[in-house]
Amino acid sequence: METHRQHFFRKMGIPESHLSLKELSLLTQVPLSALQQVFDRGIGAWKTNPQSVRLKKTFRKNPNMGKYPRSARLTKEQWAFARVYSFLDKGKTFYTADADIAKNVSF
């Protein structure tokens, strides 16, 4: 299954690379402040709901996440960037948790 990040790069027609929030903003014309808000909310979600953070490499959600140490899960930065790519790909949080940001941004 394709991730939002993979879909984003394929849709943009560019090779996958590590892009900063500023580079993503320039590429998509989405204001940097909006992407920073989404990123910050991703960090907050990682801190407040660690059970929802997916496993590294597989990105699978496991109902028994309590048995996995935090080191086996995505870092807070990885989780936050995943949320940014989901937002840019108009994934779930674009319409739910980040809908207030999305309504002020057109792309």
C-alpha atoms as a PDB file:
ATOM      1  CA  MET A   1       0.000   0.000   0.000  1.00  0.00           C
ATOM      2  CA  GLU A   2       1.296   3.409  -0.974  1.00  0.00           C
ATOM      3  CA  THR A   3       1.936   5.959   1.790  1.00  0.00           C
ATOM      4  CA  HIS A   4       0.782   9.568   1.524  1.00  0.00           C
ATOM      5  CA  ARG A   5       4.436  10.568   1.124  1.00  0.00           C
ATOM      6  CA  GLN A   6       4.979   8.161  -1.756  1.00  0.00           C
ATOM      7  CA  HIS A   7       1.739   9.275  -3.396  1.00  0.00           C
ATOM      8  CA  PHE A   8       2.721  12.932  -2.995  1.00  0.00           C
ATOM      9  CA  PHE A   9       6.055  12.463  -4.772  1.00  0.00           C
ATOM     10  CA  ARG A  10       4.503  10.343  -7.515  1.00  0.00           C
ATOM     11  CA  LYS A  11       1.739  12.924  -8.052  1.00  0.00           C
ATOM     12  CA  MET A  12       4.283  15.765  -8.165  1.00  0.00           C
ATOM     13  CA  GLY A  13       6.435  13.783 -10.599  1.00  0.00           C
ATOM     14  CA  ILE A  14       9.633  14.212  -8.616  1.00  0.00           C
ATOM     15  CA  PRO A  15      11.951  11.644  -7.035  1.00  0.00           C
ATOM     16  CA  GLU A  16      11.468  10.927  -3.344  1.00  0.00           C
ATOM     17  CA  SER A  17      13.783  12.993  -1.177  1.00  0.00           C
ATOM     18  CA  HIS A  18      13.888  14.620   2.224  1.00  0.00           C
ATOM     19  CA  LEU A  19      12.151  17.964   2.001  1.00  0.00           C
ATOM     20  CA  SER A  20      11.826  20.565   4.724  1.00  0.00           C
ATOM     21  CA  LEU A  21       8.543  22.251   5.566  1.00  0.00           C
ATOM     22  CA  LYS A  22       9.789  25.355   3.749  1.00  0.00           C
ATOM     23  CA  GLU A  23      10.590  23.335   0.616  1.00  0.00           C
ATOM     24  CA  LEU A  24       7.180  21.649   0.767  1.00  0.00           C
ATOM     25  CA  SER A  25       5.551  25.061   1.127  1.00  0.00           C
ATOM     26  CA  LEU A  26       7.357  26.417  -1.937  1.00  0.00           C
ATOM     27  CA  LEU A  27       6.553  23.303  -3.963  1.00  0.00           C
ATOM     28  CA  THR A  28       2.844  23.188  -3.081  1.00  0.00           C
ATOM     29  CA  GLN A  29       2.100  26.901  -2.538  1.00  0.00           C
ATOM     30  CA  VAL A  30       0.625  26.010   0.868  1.00  0.00           C
ATOM     31  CA  PRO A  31       1.658  28.657   3.410  1.00  0.00           C
ATOM     32  CA  LEU A  32       4.535  27.610   5.630  1.00  0.00           C
ATOM     33  CA  SER A  33       2.535  28.681   8.686  1.00  0.00           C
ATOM     34  CA  ALA A  34      -0.206  26.162   7.827  1.00  0.00           C
ATOM     35  CA  LEU A  35       2.293  23.326   7.364  1.00  0.00           C
ATOM     36  CA  GLN A  36       3.990  24.306  10.628  1.00  0.00           C
ATOM     37  CA  GLN A  37       0.632  24.103  12.435  1.00  0.00           C
ATOM     38  CA  VAL A  38      -0.036  20.629  11.010  1.00  0.00           C
ATOM     39  CA  PHE A  39       3.501  19.552  11.955  1.00  0.00           C
ATOM     40  CA  ASP A  40       3.109  20.882  15.515  1.00  0.00           C
ATOM     41  CA  ARG A  41      -0.202  19.051  15.889  1.00  0.00           C
ATOM     42  CA  GLY A  42       1.539  15.874  14.726  1.00  0.00           C
ATOM     43  CA  ILE A  43       4.143  16.303  17.465  1.00  0.00           C
ATOM     44  CA  GLY A  44       1.340  16.859  19.979  1.00  0.00           C
ATOM     45  CA  ALA A  45      -0.514  13.757  18.801  1.00  0.00           C
ATOM     46  CA  TRP A  46       2.671  11.692  19.147  1.00  0.00           C
ATOM     47  CA  LYS A  47       3.105  12.920  22.729  1.00  0.00           C
ATOM     48  CA  THR A  48      -0.499  12.558  23.874  1.00  0.00           C
ATOM     49  CA  ASN A  49      -1.493   9.310  22.149  1.00  0.00           C
ATOM     50  CA  PRO A  50       1.598   7.063  21.902  1.00  0.00           C
ATOM     51  CA  GLN A  51      -0.528   3.944  21.324  1.00  0.00           C
ATOM     52  CA  SER A  52      -1.561   5.234  17.910  1.00  0.00           C
ATOM     53  CA  VAL A  53       2.002   5.731  16.667  1.00  0.00           C
ATOM     54  CA  ARG A  54       2.804   3.117  14.043  1.00  0.00           C
ATOM     55  CA  LEU A  55       5.756   0.782  13.927  1.00  0.00           C
ATOM     56  CA  LYS A  56       8.919   1.678  12.032  1.00  0.00           C
ATOM     57  CA  LYS A  57       9.449   0.008   8.661  1.00  0.00           C
ATOM     58  CA  THR A  58       6.037  -1.678   8.468  1.00  0.00           C
ATOM     59  CA  PHE A  59       3.947   1.401   9.389  1.00  0.00           C
ATOM     60  CA  ARG A  60       1.399  -1.076  10.702  1.00  0.00           C
ATOM     61  CA  LYS A  61      -1.012  -0.251  13.448  1.00  0.00           C
ATOM     62  CA  ASN A  62      -1.062  -2.873  16.144  1.00  0.00           C
ATOM     63  CA  PRO A  63      -3.862  -3.124  18.721  1.00  0.00           C
ATOM     64  CA  ASN A  64      -1.302  -4.362  21.244  1.00  0.00           C
ATOM     65  CA  MET A  65       1.090  -1.404  20.909  1.00  0.00           C
ATOM     66  CA  GLY A  66       1.759  -1.344  24.633  1.00  0.00           C
ATOM     67  CA  LYS A  67       4.141  -4.258  24.270  1.00  0.00           C
ATOM     68  CA  TYR A  68       6.375  -2.324  21.831  1.00  0.00           C
ATOM     69  CA  PRO A  69       8.902   0.177  23.207  1.00  0.00           C
ATOM     70  CA  ARG A  70       8.880   3.707  21.835  1.00  0.00           C
ATOM     71  CA  SER A  71      12.143   2.905  20.041  1.00  0.00           C
ATOM     72  CA  ALA A  72      10.215   0.469  17.789  1.00  0.00           C
ATOM     73  CA  ARG A  73       7.792   3.189  16.739  1.00  0.00           C
ATOM     74  CA  LEU A  74       8.144   6.206  14.497  1.00  0.00           C
ATOM     75  CA  THR A  75       9.864   9.227  16.050  1.00  0.00           C
ATOM     76  CA  LYS A  76       7.827  12.325  16.796  1.00  0.00           C
ATOM     77  CA  GLU A  77       9.351  14.079  13.766  1.00  0.00           C
ATOM     78  CA  GLN A  78       8.558  11.146  11.466  1.00  0.00           C
ATOM     79  CA  TRP A  79       4.999  11.060  12.808  1.00  0.00           C
ATOM     80  CA  ALA A  80       4.616  14.826  12.322  1.00  0.00           C
ATOM     81  CA  PHE A  81       5.942  14.715   8.738  1.00  0.00           C
ATOM     82  CA  ALA A  82       3.602  11.815   8.003  1.00  0.00           C
ATOM     83  CA  ARG A  83       0.749  14.038   9.105  1.00  0.00           C
ATOM     84  CA  VAL A  84       2.007  16.863   6.870  1.00  0.00           C
ATOM     85  CA  TYR A  85       2.157  14.546   3.839  1.00  0.00           C
ATOM     86  CA  SER A  86      -1.307  13.234   4.678  1.00  0.00           C
ATOM     87  CA  PHE A  87      -2.553  16.814   4.820  1.00  0.00           C
ATOM     88  CA  LEU A  88      -0.947  17.660   1.468  1.00  0.00           C
ATOM     89  CA  ASP A  89      -2.419  14.483  -0.030  1.00  0.00           C
ATOM     90  CA  LYS A  90      -5.823  15.428   1.427  1.00  0.00           C
ATOM     91  CA  GLY A  91      -5.895  12.355   3.629  1.00  0.00           C
ATOM     92  CA  LYS A  92      -7.940  11.740   6.758  1.00  0.00           C
ATOM     93  CA  THR A  93      -6.691  14.608   8.938  1.00  0.00           C
ATOM     94  CA  PHE A  94      -7.284  17.126   6.128  1.00  0.00           C
ATOM     95  CA  TYR A  95     -11.010  16.548   6.675  1.00  0.00           C
ATOM     96  CA  THR A  96     -10.976  15.863  10.415  1.00  0.00           C
ATOM     97  CA  ALA A  97      -8.341  17.045  12.889  1.00  0.00           C
ATOM     98  CA  ASP A  98      -6.801  19.647  10.559  1.00  0.00           C
ATOM     99  CA  ALA A  99      -9.996  20.744   8.808  1.00  0.00           C
ATOM    100  CA  ASP A 100      -9.797  24.184  10.418  1.00  0.00           C
ATOM    101  CA  ILE A 101      -6.401  24.736   8.783  1.00  0.00           C
ATOM    102  CA  ALA A 102      -7.556  23.225   5.490  1.00  0.00           C
ATOM    103  CA  LYS A 103     -10.486  25.602   5.146  1.00  0.00           C
ATOM    104  CA  ASN A 104      -8.068  28.549   5.172  1.00  0.00           C
ATOM    105  CA  VAL A 105      -5.784  26.998   2.551  1.00  0.00           C
ATOM    106  CA  SER A 106      -6.559  26.348  -1.083  1.00  0.00           C
ATOM    107  CA  PHE A 107      -4.444  24.077  -3.237  1.00  0.00           C
END
